[in-house]
């Protein structure tokens, strides 16, 4: 996939970020590698499916592309990838439902203030 709102050639600026803060940039790379590439309790495929879900939450097209490629390489099926996306949709919808209580609270508060006048 090459048509993103964010130009793929923008990745060329990573080198500028690395030049500006090389130690921090390398620390990020090491951390990312430690999480995704080291053997652990979760399989690489499961980690990549989690990352696909999170990438859809953060809406980073680069992360979506990279983690889908890595998930497929780790053996993930289209059904598993789609399910990870739907889990993300459910959580985001749940977040909107939870935050709706703020809207209803403010609305009722304003109604009470109007009635008190």
Protein backbone atom coordinates (compact mmCIF):
# COMPACT_ATOMS: atom_id res chain seq x y z
CA UNK A 1 0.00 0.00 0.00
CA UNK A 2 1.52 3.28 -0.99
CA UNK A 3 -1.23 5.89 -0.86
CA UNK A 4 -1.20 7.39 2.59
CA UNK A 5 -2.12 10.77 3.94
CA UNK A 6 1.42 10.72 5.30
CA UNK A 7 3.92 10.40 2.48
CA UNK A 8 6.05 7.28 2.72
CA UNK A 9 9.09 9.30 1.74
CA UNK A 10 8.66 11.17 5.02
CA UNK A 11 10.46 8.21 6.59
CA UNK A 12 13.67 9.74 5.23
CA UNK A 13 13.46 12.20 8.14
CA UNK A 14 14.03 9.41 10.64
CA UNK A 15 17.74 9.90 9.98
CA UNK A 16 17.37 13.54 11.08
CA UNK A 17 15.67 12.40 14.25
CA UNK A 18 18.46 9.91 14.81
CA UNK A 19 21.12 12.58 14.21
CA UNK A 20 19.39 14.95 16.63
CA UNK A 21 19.03 12.36 19.42
CA UNK A 22 21.01 9.27 18.47
CA UNK A 23 20.98 7.66 21.90
CA UNK A 24 17.23 8.04 22.29
CA UNK A 25 16.60 6.83 18.75
CA UNK A 26 18.72 3.74 19.36
CA UNK A 27 17.03 3.15 22.70
CA UNK A 28 13.67 3.12 20.91
CA UNK A 29 14.99 0.65 18.32
CA UNK A 30 16.39 -1.58 21.06
CA UNK A 31 13.15 -1.44 23.03
CA UNK A 32 11.06 -2.24 19.96
CA UNK A 33 13.38 -5.12 19.09
CA UNK A 34 13.25 -6.44 22.65
CA UNK A 35 9.45 -6.50 22.56
CA UNK A 36 8.87 -7.95 19.11
CA UNK A 37 11.90 -10.04 18.27
CA UNK A 38 12.79 -11.79 21.51
CA UNK A 39 11.16 -15.10 22.36
CA UNK A 40 8.72 -14.70 25.23
CA UNK A 41 5.44 -15.98 26.59
CA UNK A 42 3.49 -14.50 23.68
CA UNK A 43 4.25 -15.71 20.19
CA UNK A 44 5.43 -13.27 17.55
CA UNK A 45 2.11 -13.74 15.75
CA UNK A 46 0.09 -12.83 18.84
CA UNK A 47 2.26 -9.77 19.49
CA UNK A 48 1.79 -8.64 15.90
CA UNK A 49 -1.99 -9.13 16.09
CA UNK A 50 -2.03 -7.01 19.25
CA UNK A 51 0.09 -4.42 17.44
CA UNK A 52 -2.36 -4.38 14.52
CA UNK A 53 -5.18 -3.60 16.93
CA UNK A 54 -3.22 -0.86 18.65
CA UNK A 55 -2.08 0.56 15.31
CA UNK A 56 -5.72 0.90 14.31
CA UNK A 57 -6.36 2.75 17.57
CA UNK A 58 -3.44 5.13 17.04
CA UNK A 59 -4.33 5.25 13.32
CA UNK A 60 -0.72 5.11 12.18
CA UNK A 61 -0.64 3.91 8.57
CA UNK A 62 3.05 2.97 8.84
CA UNK A 63 2.40 0.83 11.91
CA UNK A 64 -0.60 -0.85 10.29
CA UNK A 65 1.43 -1.70 7.19
CA UNK A 66 4.49 -2.87 9.09
CA UNK A 67 2.63 -4.97 11.63
CA UNK A 68 0.36 -6.58 9.04
CA UNK A 69 3.44 -7.57 7.05
CA UNK A 70 5.11 -8.92 10.20
CA UNK A 71 1.93 -10.73 11.27
CA UNK A 72 1.61 -12.42 7.88
CA UNK A 73 5.28 -13.40 8.07
CA UNK A 74 4.61 -14.87 11.51
CA UNK A 75 1.74 -16.96 10.09
CA UNK A 76 -1.32 -14.81 10.77
CA UNK A 77 -4.31 -15.37 8.53
CA UNK A 78 -6.54 -12.71 7.00
CA UNK A 79 -9.27 -13.87 9.39
CA UNK A 80 -7.02 -13.30 12.41
CA UNK A 81 -5.97 -9.87 11.15
CA UNK A 82 -9.59 -8.91 10.49
CA UNK A 83 -10.60 -10.10 13.95
CA UNK A 84 -7.87 -7.98 15.54
CA UNK A 85 -9.27 -4.98 13.67
CA UNK A 86 -12.83 -5.77 14.81
CA UNK A 87 -11.66 -6.12 18.42
CA UNK A 88 -10.19 -2.63 18.06
CA UNK A 89 -13.47 -1.32 16.64
CA UNK A 90 -15.37 -2.76 19.59
CA UNK A 91 -13.00 -1.17 22.10
CA UNK A 92 -13.16 2.22 20.40
CA UNK A 93 -16.94 2.03 20.30
CA UNK A 94 -16.92 1.06 23.97
CA UNK A 95 -14.75 4.08 24.72
CA UNK A 96 -17.29 6.32 23.00
CA UNK A 97 -20.07 4.72 25.03
CA UNK A 98 -18.14 5.22 28.27
CA UNK A 99 -17.42 8.86 27.41
CA UNK A 100 -21.07 9.43 26.53
CA UNK A 101 -21.71 9.57 30.26
CA UNK A 102 -19.74 12.83 30.34
CA UNK A 103 -21.97 14.32 27.65
CA UNK A 104 -25.12 13.21 29.46
CA UNK A 105 -23.80 14.48 32.80
CA UNK A 106 -23.04 17.93 31.36
CA UNK A 107 -26.40 18.04 29.58
CA UNK A 108 -28.31 17.19 32.77
CA UNK A 109 -26.20 19.65 34.74
CA UNK A 110 -27.09 22.42 32.28
CA UNK A 111 -30.76 21.48 32.40
CA UNK A 112 -30.62 21.74 36.20
CA UNK A 113 -28.95 25.15 35.99
CA UNK A 114 -31.62 26.37 33.57
CA UNK A 115 -34.45 25.16 35.83
CA UNK A 116 -32.82 26.87 38.84
CA UNK A 117 -33.02 30.29 37.11
